[in-house]
Amino acid sequence: MDIQHFETLVVSALEDIKGKDIRVIDTTRLTSLFDRVIIATADSNRQTRALARHVADKAREAGIEVVGIEGEGGGEWVLVDLGGIVVHVMQAAVRSYYNLEELWGAAPARPGRPGAFSAHAA
């Protein structure tokens, strides 16, 4: 699966369970470990876990290996490692505190729907 379709699958899975403020960050020029970081906000521990599980389930259905899921126990921040894409589902306070968008700031962030905003890293 090419990265655009992969990205669309993940963003759609997050939107299915009402993930908020979904951001896609192109990291291809920053690291060889993965191509995208996708960040979404959830309203509660339950929603954070549900979003992460839904992303993992949709990835498996598409034949994508789920490398790992971290943080489900606490539920404030759950990371889903899909190899080429790393998904961070966070509650608003945690997301604000860690500000991953700024951490990966060398690559432009864009709204979650692929193609909706054309600020890919050049």
C-alpha atoms as a PDB file:
ATOM      1  CA  MET A   1       0.000   0.000   0.000  1.00  0.00           C
ATOM      2  CA  ASP A   2       1.422   3.388  -0.920  1.00  0.00           C
ATOM      3  CA  ILE A   3       1.866   5.998   1.787  1.00  0.00           C
ATOM      4  CA  GLN A   4      -1.039   8.195   0.591  1.00  0.00           C
ATOM      5  CA  HIS A   5      -3.557   5.341   0.822  1.00  0.00           C
ATOM      6  CA  PHE A   6      -2.042   4.244   4.127  1.00  0.00           C
ATOM      7  CA  GLU A   7      -2.367   7.793   5.471  1.00  0.00           C
ATOM      8  CA  THR A   8      -5.980   8.027   4.274  1.00  0.00           C
ATOM      9  CA  LEU A   9      -6.830   4.732   5.989  1.00  0.00           C
ATOM     10  CA  VAL A  10      -5.441   5.967   9.321  1.00  0.00           C
ATOM     11  CA  VAL A  11      -7.103   9.386   9.140  1.00  0.00           C
ATOM     12  CA  SER A  12     -10.437   7.794   8.208  1.00  0.00           C
ATOM     13  CA  ALA A  13     -10.175   5.399  11.150  1.00  0.00           C
ATOM     14  CA  LEU A  14      -9.568   8.342  13.493  1.00  0.00           C
ATOM     15  CA  GLU A  15     -12.500  10.264  12.024  1.00  0.00           C
ATOM     16  CA  ASP A  16     -14.786   7.212  12.439  1.00  0.00           C
ATOM     17  CA  ILE A  17     -14.495   7.479  16.238  1.00  0.00           C
ATOM     18  CA  LYS A  18     -14.594  11.309  16.282  1.00  0.00           C
ATOM     19  CA  GLY A  19     -10.885  12.012  16.770  1.00  0.00           C
ATOM     20  CA  LYS A  20     -10.315  15.765  16.903  1.00  0.00           C
ATOM     21  CA  ASP A  21      -7.680  18.103  15.475  1.00  0.00           C
ATOM     22  CA  ILE A  22      -6.062  15.381  13.366  1.00  0.00           C
ATOM     23  CA  ARG A  23      -2.661  16.435  12.038  1.00  0.00           C
ATOM     24  CA  VAL A  24      -0.466  14.617   9.549  1.00  0.00           C
ATOM     25  CA  ILE A  25       3.253  15.400   9.618  1.00  0.00           C
ATOM     26  CA  ASP A  26       5.517  14.268   6.778  1.00  0.00           C
ATOM     27  CA  THR A  27       8.758  13.046   8.392  1.00  0.00           C
ATOM     28  CA  THR A  28      10.425  11.531   5.329  1.00  0.00           C
ATOM     29  CA  ARG A  29      13.201  14.125   5.317  1.00  0.00           C
ATOM     30  CA  LEU A  30      13.713  13.999   9.075  1.00  0.00           C
ATOM     31  CA  THR A  31      14.014  10.292   9.832  1.00  0.00           C
ATOM     32  CA  SER A  32      14.280   6.994   8.015  1.00  0.00           C
ATOM     33  CA  LEU A  33      12.301   5.221  10.757  1.00  0.00           C
ATOM     34  CA  PHE A  34       8.825   6.205   9.479  1.00  0.00           C
ATOM     35  CA  ASP A  35       7.209   8.413   6.844  1.00  0.00           C
ATOM     36  CA  ARG A  36       4.402  10.064   8.791  1.00  0.00           C
ATOM     37  CA  VAL A  37       3.408  11.060  12.287  1.00  0.00           C
ATOM     38  CA  ILE A  38      -0.337  11.399  12.749  1.00  0.00           C
ATOM     39  CA  ILE A  39      -1.634  13.092  15.887  1.00  0.00           C
ATOM     40  CA  ALA A  40      -5.238  13.200  17.097  1.00  0.00           C
ATOM     41  CA  THR A  41      -6.983  14.457  20.221  1.00  0.00           C
ATOM     42  CA  ALA A  42      -9.525  12.477  22.236  1.00  0.00           C
ATOM     43  CA  ASP A  43     -11.892  13.662  24.957  1.00  0.00           C
ATOM     44  CA  SER A  44     -11.392  10.840  27.464  1.00  0.00           C
ATOM     45  CA  ASN A  45      -9.284   7.806  28.373  1.00  0.00           C
ATOM     46  CA  ARG A  46     -11.988   5.587  26.922  1.00  0.00           C
ATOM     47  CA  GLN A  47     -12.024   7.453  23.594  1.00  0.00           C
ATOM     48  CA  THR A  48      -8.215   7.516  23.424  1.00  0.00           C
ATOM     49  CA  ARG A  49      -8.088   3.731  23.758  1.00  0.00           C
ATOM     50  CA  ALA A  50     -11.006   3.258  21.347  1.00  0.00           C
ATOM     51  CA  LEU A  51      -9.350   5.422  18.700  1.00  0.00           C
ATOM     52  CA  ALA A  52      -6.065   3.536  18.997  1.00  0.00           C
ATOM     53  CA  ARG A  53      -7.784   0.139  18.836  1.00  0.00           C
ATOM     54  CA  HIS A  54      -9.863   1.203  15.835  1.00  0.00           C
ATOM     55  CA  VAL A  55      -6.768   2.397  13.952  1.00  0.00           C
ATOM     56  CA  ALA A  56      -5.016  -0.904  14.724  1.00  0.00           C
ATOM     57  CA  ASP A  57      -8.071  -2.933  13.658  1.00  0.00           C
ATOM     58  CA  LYS A  58      -8.454  -1.045  10.369  1.00  0.00           C
ATOM     59  CA  ALA A  59      -4.738  -1.459   9.657  1.00  0.00           C
ATOM     60  CA  ARG A  60      -4.938  -5.224  10.268  1.00  0.00           C
ATOM     61  CA  GLU A  61      -8.012  -5.472   8.029  1.00  0.00           C
ATOM     62  CA  ALA A  62      -5.979  -3.807   5.268  1.00  0.00           C
ATOM     63  CA  GLY A  63      -3.129  -6.282   5.766  1.00  0.00           C
ATOM     64  CA  ILE A  64      -0.837  -3.822   7.539  1.00  0.00           C
ATOM     65  CA  GLU A  65       1.218  -5.121  10.443  1.00  0.00           C
ATOM     66  CA  VAL A  66       0.674  -3.400  13.761  1.00  0.00           C
ATOM     67  CA  VAL A  67       4.194  -3.237  15.184  1.00  0.00           C
ATOM     68  CA  GLY A  68       3.011  -2.217  18.637  1.00  0.00           C
ATOM     69  CA  ILE A  69       0.602  -0.268  20.798  1.00  0.00           C
ATOM     70  CA  GLU A  70       1.820   1.589  23.891  1.00  0.00           C
ATOM     71  CA  GLY A  71      -0.031   3.476  26.626  1.00  0.00           C
ATOM     72  CA  GLU A  72      -3.398   1.727  26.609  1.00  0.00           C
ATOM     73  CA  GLY A  73      -3.206   1.170  30.365  1.00  0.00           C
ATOM     74  CA  GLY A  74      -3.282   4.871  31.208  1.00  0.00           C
ATOM     75  CA  GLY A  75      -5.218   6.088  28.229  1.00  0.00           C
ATOM     76  CA  GLU A  76      -4.001   9.679  28.271  1.00  0.00           C
ATOM     77  CA  TRP A  77      -1.608   9.057  25.385  1.00  0.00           C
ATOM     78  CA  VAL A  78      -1.705   5.943  23.224  1.00  0.00           C
ATOM     79  CA  LEU A  79       0.851   5.348  20.487  1.00  0.00           C
ATOM     80  CA  VAL A  80       0.142   2.993  17.595  1.00  0.00           C
ATOM     81  CA  ASP A  81       3.227   1.958  15.612  1.00  0.00           C
ATOM     82  CA  LEU A  82       2.279   0.887  12.104  1.00  0.00           C
ATOM     83  CA  GLY A  83       5.806   0.870  10.722  1.00  0.00           C
ATOM     84  CA  GLY A  84       5.579   3.627   8.105  1.00  0.00           C
ATOM     85  CA  ILE A  85       3.151   5.659  10.200  1.00  0.00           C
ATOM     86  CA  VAL A  86       3.247   6.363  13.923  1.00  0.00           C
ATOM     87  CA  VAL A  87      -0.085   7.452  15.391  1.00  0.00           C
ATOM     88  CA  HIS A  88      -0.324   9.437  18.636  1.00  0.00           C
ATOM     89  CA  VAL A  89      -3.784   9.647  20.207  1.00  0.00           C
ATOM     90  CA  MET A  90      -3.703  12.081  23.116  1.00  0.00           C
ATOM     91  CA  GLN A  91      -5.996  13.911  25.465  1.00  0.00           C
ATOM     92  CA  ALA A  92      -5.928  17.685  24.983  1.00  0.00           C
ATOM     93  CA  ALA A  93      -3.848  18.566  28.075  1.00  0.00           C
ATOM     94  CA  VAL A  94      -1.208  15.953  27.254  1.00  0.00           C
ATOM     95  CA  ARG A  95      -1.083  17.018  23.621  1.00  0.00           C
ATOM     96  CA  SER A  96      -0.660  20.645  24.596  1.00  0.00           C
ATOM     97  CA  TYR A  97       2.083  19.826  27.094  1.00  0.00           C
ATOM     98  CA  TYR A  98       4.198  17.661  24.759  1.00  0.00           C
ATOM     99  CA  ASN A  99       3.442  19.694  21.619  1.00  0.00           C
ATOM    100  CA  LEU A 100       4.621  17.056  19.139  1.00  0.00           C
ATOM    101  CA  GLU A 101       3.776  19.329  16.232  1.00  0.00           C
ATOM    102  CA  GLU A 102       6.558  21.651  17.360  1.00  0.00           C
ATOM    103  CA  LEU A 103       8.940  18.757  17.982  1.00  0.00           C
ATOM    104  CA  TRP A 104       8.504  17.660  14.369  1.00  0.00           C
ATOM    105  CA  GLY A 105       8.293  21.319  13.268  1.00  0.00           C
ATOM    106  CA  ALA A 106      10.927  20.973  10.582  1.00  0.00           C
ATOM    107  CA  ALA A 107       8.232  19.196   8.541  1.00  0.00           C
ATOM    108  CA  PRO A 108       5.032  21.118   7.898  1.00  0.00           C
ATOM    109  CA  ALA A 109       1.962  19.825   9.683  1.00  0.00           C
ATOM    110  CA  ARG A 110      -1.296  19.773   7.794  1.00  0.00           C
ATOM    111  CA  PRO A 111      -4.888  18.975   8.567  1.00  0.00           C
ATOM    112  CA  GLY A 112      -5.667  15.280   8.660  1.00  0.00           C
ATOM    113  CA  ARG A 113      -7.474  14.749   5.383  1.00  0.00           C
ATOM    114  CA  PRO A 114      -4.736  13.909   2.815  1.00  0.00           C
ATOM    115  CA  GLY A 115      -4.693  16.391  -0.028  1.00  0.00           C
ATOM    116  CA  ALA A 116      -6.739  18.935   1.937  1.00  0.00           C
ATOM    117  CA  PHE A 117      -3.655  21.059   2.534  1.00  0.00           C
ATOM    118  CA  SER A 118      -0.631  20.849   0.258  1.00  0.00           C
ATOM    119  CA  ALA A 119       2.180  21.694   2.688  1.00  0.00           C
ATOM    120  CA  HIS A 120       4.277  18.541   2.290  1.00  0.00           C
ATOM    121  CA  ALA A 121       7.945  18.819   3.183  1.00  0.00           C
ATOM    122  CA  ALA A 122       9.864  19.633   0.039  1.00  0.00           C
END
